N, C-alpha and C. Protein backbone atom coordinates (compact mmCIF):
# COMPACT_ATOMS: atom_id res chain seq x y z
N UNK A 1 -20.20 18.16 -2.62
CA UNK A 1 -19.46 17.24 -3.26
C UNK A 1 -17.78 16.91 -2.61
N UNK A 2 -17.12 18.08 -2.06
CA UNK A 2 -16.34 17.98 -1.76
C UNK A 2 -15.78 16.50 -1.31
N UNK A 3 -16.43 16.66 -0.06
CA UNK A 3 -15.99 15.50 0.99
C UNK A 3 -15.77 14.09 -0.25
N UNK A 4 -16.76 13.87 -0.55
CA UNK A 4 -17.48 12.61 -1.30
C UNK A 4 -15.72 12.85 -1.79
N UNK A 5 -15.78 13.47 -3.12
CA UNK A 5 -14.39 13.36 -4.20
C UNK A 5 -12.82 13.23 -3.35
N UNK A 6 -12.69 13.57 -1.97
CA UNK A 6 -11.97 13.57 -1.37
C UNK A 6 -12.30 11.76 -0.38
N UNK A 7 -13.24 11.01 -0.26
CA UNK A 7 -13.07 9.62 0.13
C UNK A 7 -12.87 8.59 -1.08
N UNK A 8 -13.31 9.19 -2.43
CA UNK A 8 -12.87 8.26 -3.16
C UNK A 8 -11.60 8.09 -3.54
N UNK A 9 -10.69 9.70 -3.70
CA UNK A 9 -9.30 9.32 -3.82
C UNK A 9 -8.49 9.06 -2.50
N UNK A 10 -9.53 8.86 -1.03
CA UNK A 10 -8.84 7.74 -0.50
C UNK A 10 -8.10 6.87 -0.60
N UNK A 11 -9.46 6.08 -0.30
CA UNK A 11 -10.00 4.83 -0.92
C UNK A 11 -8.64 4.21 -2.08
N UNK A 12 -8.76 5.06 -2.99
CA UNK A 12 -7.87 4.17 -3.86
C UNK A 12 -6.98 4.07 -3.61
N UNK A 13 -6.14 5.93 -3.10
CA UNK A 13 -4.74 5.84 -2.22
C UNK A 13 -4.54 4.58 -1.26
N UNK A 14 -5.60 4.58 0.10
CA UNK A 14 -5.56 3.40 0.54
C UNK A 14 -5.51 1.58 -0.11
N UNK A 15 -5.93 1.94 -1.60
CA UNK A 15 -5.62 0.29 -1.73
C UNK A 15 -4.50 0.02 -2.75
N UNK A 16 -4.03 1.11 -3.29
CA UNK A 16 -2.93 1.56 -3.43
C UNK A 16 -1.36 1.09 -1.79
N UNK A 17 -1.78 2.05 -1.25
CA UNK A 17 -1.18 1.27 -0.30
C UNK A 17 -1.12 0.18 -0.02
N UNK A 18 -2.10 -0.81 0.15
CA UNK A 18 -2.34 -2.05 0.77
C UNK A 18 -1.58 -2.98 0.52
N UNK A 19 -2.17 -2.65 -0.92
CA UNK A 19 -1.75 -3.46 -2.51
C UNK A 19 0.13 -3.14 -2.36
N UNK A 20 1.35 -2.23 -2.14
CA UNK A 20 2.51 -2.05 -1.82
C UNK A 20 3.34 -2.89 -0.84
N UNK A 21 2.22 -2.57 0.74
CA UNK A 21 2.45 -3.40 1.42
C UNK A 21 2.14 -5.03 1.65
N UNK A 22 2.51 -5.89 1.63
CA UNK A 22 2.05 -6.87 2.19
C UNK A 22 2.53 -7.06 3.34
N UNK A 23 1.03 -8.37 3.03
CA UNK A 23 0.61 -8.07 4.58
C UNK A 23 -0.87 -8.28 4.63
N UNK A 24 -1.42 -9.39 6.02
CA UNK A 24 -2.73 -8.78 5.81
C UNK A 24 -3.36 -8.06 6.74
N UNK A 25 -4.32 -7.24 6.18
CA UNK A 25 -4.92 -6.20 7.01
C UNK A 25 -6.58 -6.52 7.32
N UNK A 26 -6.99 -6.18 8.35
CA UNK A 26 -8.13 -6.79 8.49
C UNK A 26 -9.03 -5.92 8.45
N UNK A 27 -9.20 -5.09 7.75
CA UNK A 27 -9.79 -3.37 7.61
C UNK A 27 -10.61 -3.09 6.21
N UNK A 28 -11.88 -2.65 6.81
CA UNK A 28 -12.99 -2.20 5.20
C UNK A 28 -12.36 -1.31 4.87
N UNK A 29 -13.53 -1.44 3.96
CA UNK A 29 -13.59 0.20 2.49
C UNK A 29 -13.42 1.12 3.75
N UNK A 30 -14.07 1.49 4.71
CA UNK A 30 -14.36 2.89 5.32
C UNK A 30 -13.10 3.40 5.73
N UNK A 31 -11.94 2.17 6.53
CA UNK A 31 -11.08 1.89 7.73
C UNK A 31 -9.62 2.21 6.35
N UNK A 32 -10.64 1.75 5.05
CA UNK A 32 -9.38 1.72 4.02
C UNK A 32 -9.47 3.50 3.22
N UNK A 33 -10.45 3.65 3.52
CA UNK A 33 -10.62 5.26 3.22
C UNK A 33 -10.17 6.29 4.56
N UNK A 34 -10.15 6.15 5.29
CA UNK A 34 -9.40 6.85 6.54
C UNK A 34 -8.28 6.98 6.31
N UNK A 35 -7.95 6.18 6.07
CA UNK A 35 -5.97 5.57 5.77
C UNK A 35 -5.52 6.47 4.29
N UNK A 36 -6.44 6.16 3.59
CA UNK A 36 -6.11 6.71 2.24
C UNK A 36 -6.59 8.51 2.80
N UNK A 37 -6.93 8.80 3.41
CA UNK A 37 -7.30 10.67 3.37
C UNK A 37 -6.08 11.26 4.32
N UNK A 38 -6.12 9.82 5.28
CA UNK A 38 -4.69 10.48 6.80
C UNK A 38 -3.74 10.55 5.77
N UNK A 39 -3.04 9.75 5.27
CA UNK A 39 -2.06 8.61 4.36
C UNK A 39 -1.86 10.77 3.62
N UNK A 40 -2.52 11.39 2.45
CA UNK A 40 -2.87 11.98 1.89
C UNK A 40 -2.20 13.68 2.72
N UNK A 41 -3.19 13.59 4.19
CA UNK A 41 -2.58 14.55 5.01
C UNK A 41 -0.54 14.26 5.29
N UNK A 42 -0.09 13.00 5.70
CA UNK A 42 1.20 12.92 5.67
C UNK A 42 2.00 13.11 4.82
N UNK A 43 1.46 12.90 3.64
CA UNK A 43 2.01 12.76 2.48
C UNK A 43 2.27 14.90 2.40
N UNK A 44 1.16 15.33 2.64
CA UNK A 44 1.53 17.22 2.39
C UNK A 44 2.50 17.32 3.16
N UNK A 45 2.56 17.00 4.76
CA UNK A 45 3.05 16.87 5.79
C UNK A 45 4.86 17.49 4.69
N UNK A 46 4.66 15.39 4.18
CA UNK A 46 6.84 15.37 4.24
C UNK A 46 6.40 16.02 2.99
N UNK A 47 5.91 16.23 2.04
CA UNK A 47 5.98 17.24 1.06
C UNK A 47 6.81 18.78 1.29
N UNK A 48 6.27 19.09 2.45
CA UNK A 48 6.65 20.33 3.13
C UNK A 48 7.17 20.97 3.34
N UNK A 49 7.84 19.89 4.05
CA UNK A 49 9.11 19.86 4.97
C UNK A 49 11.00 19.58 3.41
N UNK A 50 9.98 19.84 2.70
CA UNK A 50 11.17 19.60 1.27
C UNK A 50 11.52 20.76 -0.48
N UNK A 51 9.69 21.62 0.05
CA UNK A 51 9.20 22.92 -0.96
C UNK A 51 8.26 23.10 0.28
N UNK A 52 8.38 24.58 -0.37
CA UNK A 52 7.48 25.47 0.58
C UNK A 52 6.18 25.76 -0.22
N UNK A 53 4.62 25.75 0.75
CA UNK A 53 3.82 25.42 0.68
C UNK A 53 3.29 26.77 -0.46
N UNK A 54 1.86 27.01 -0.82
CA UNK A 54 1.40 28.31 -1.68
C UNK A 54 1.87 29.33 -0.46
N UNK A 55 1.44 30.51 -1.25
CA UNK A 55 1.57 31.49 -0.12
C UNK A 55 -0.23 31.73 0.12
N UNK A 56 -0.38 31.94 1.29
CA UNK A 56 -1.85 31.31 2.35
C UNK A 56 -2.87 29.97 3.19
N UNK A 57 -1.81 29.23 2.24
CA UNK A 57 -2.08 28.01 2.15
C UNK A 57 -1.85 26.85 3.99
N UNK A 58 -1.91 26.09 4.30
CA UNK A 58 -1.53 26.09 5.27
C UNK A 58 -1.15 24.51 5.45
N UNK A 59 -1.39 23.92 4.79
CA UNK A 59 -0.86 22.57 4.16
C UNK A 59 -0.23 22.23 2.38
N UNK A 60 0.56 22.16 2.43
CA UNK A 60 1.39 21.47 0.63
C UNK A 60 0.49 20.84 0.60
N UNK A 61 0.43 20.14 -1.10
CA UNK A 61 -0.97 20.02 -1.38
C UNK A 61 0.00 18.40 -1.85
N UNK A 62 -0.63 17.19 -1.85
CA UNK A 62 0.16 16.15 -1.47
C UNK A 62 -0.50 15.28 -3.35
N UNK A 63 0.54 15.35 -3.78
CA UNK A 63 0.19 13.79 -5.13
C UNK A 63 -0.36 12.33 -5.08
N UNK A 64 -0.36 11.78 -5.83
CA UNK A 64 -0.63 10.78 -5.72
C UNK A 64 0.50 10.06 -4.99
N UNK A 65 1.44 10.19 -5.41
CA UNK A 65 2.94 9.60 -4.72
C UNK A 65 3.30 10.00 -3.29
N UNK A 66 3.43 11.03 -3.53
CA UNK A 66 3.17 11.37 -1.89
C UNK A 66 2.34 10.93 -0.92
N UNK A 67 0.70 10.73 -1.24
CA UNK A 67 0.00 10.44 -0.63
C UNK A 67 -0.04 8.95 -0.66
N UNK A 68 0.37 7.94 -0.93
CA UNK A 68 0.39 6.73 -1.40
C UNK A 68 2.09 6.25 0.28
N UNK A 69 2.21 7.52 -0.48
CA UNK A 69 4.22 6.87 0.77
C UNK A 69 3.35 7.57 2.10
N UNK A 70 2.29 8.10 2.56
CA UNK A 70 2.21 8.63 3.70
C UNK A 70 1.35 7.74 4.44
N UNK A 71 0.39 7.14 3.43
CA UNK A 71 -0.72 6.42 3.68
C UNK A 71 0.26 4.98 3.65
N UNK A 72 0.66 4.13 3.18
CA UNK A 72 2.16 3.64 3.79
C UNK A 72 2.61 3.33 4.79
N UNK A 73 3.37 4.64 4.99
CA UNK A 73 4.05 5.10 6.62
C UNK A 73 2.83 4.88 8.16
N UNK A 74 1.46 5.28 7.81
CA UNK A 74 0.57 5.12 8.29
C UNK A 74 -0.25 3.58 9.17
N UNK A 75 0.21 2.69 7.61
CA UNK A 75 -0.13 1.66 7.36
C UNK A 75 0.69 0.82 8.43
N UNK A 76 1.87 1.02 8.28
CA UNK A 76 3.30 0.34 9.26
C UNK A 76 3.40 0.67 10.43
N UNK A 77 2.85 2.01 10.80
CA UNK A 77 2.60 2.31 12.16
C UNK A 77 1.53 1.18 12.90
N UNK A 78 0.65 1.78 12.48
CA UNK A 78 -0.64 0.31 12.40
C UNK A 78 -0.78 -0.84 12.49
N UNK A 79 0.25 -1.42 11.96
CA UNK A 79 1.10 -3.14 12.16
C UNK A 79 1.46 -2.85 13.17
N UNK A 80 2.43 -1.95 13.69
CA UNK A 80 3.25 -2.17 14.48
C UNK A 80 2.93 -2.37 15.48
N UNK A 81 2.14 -1.35 16.07
CA UNK A 81 1.27 -1.10 17.08
C UNK A 81 0.03 -2.04 17.84
N UNK A 82 -0.16 -2.26 16.11
CA UNK A 82 -1.27 -3.85 16.62
C UNK A 82 -2.75 -2.74 16.75
N UNK A 83 -2.97 -1.48 16.01
CA UNK A 83 -4.28 -0.68 16.29
C UNK A 83 -5.20 -1.45 15.39
N UNK A 84 -5.42 -2.11 14.54
CA UNK A 84 -6.62 -2.60 14.43
C UNK A 84 -7.01 -3.57 15.02
N UNK A 85 -6.44 -4.55 16.10
CA UNK A 85 -6.43 -6.00 16.07
C UNK A 85 -7.72 -5.89 17.56
């Protein structure tokens, strides 16, 4: 159940990132979800640079805002290097 919830939140995060970054993306719902999930990990790494994660955890949990920022960074990289073309 955890993976289904993570994918649903990833879709929402990816859609928000695609909405906030103008431009055409040729990706479907699956890729949008994967971008959102990867963006959450990137956002967690960025927030881990500014505040220490909880004891015993490897990654800092990213909130929605940091997840969207991480997804936007990933979208920029994908567009810049034409990885989905």
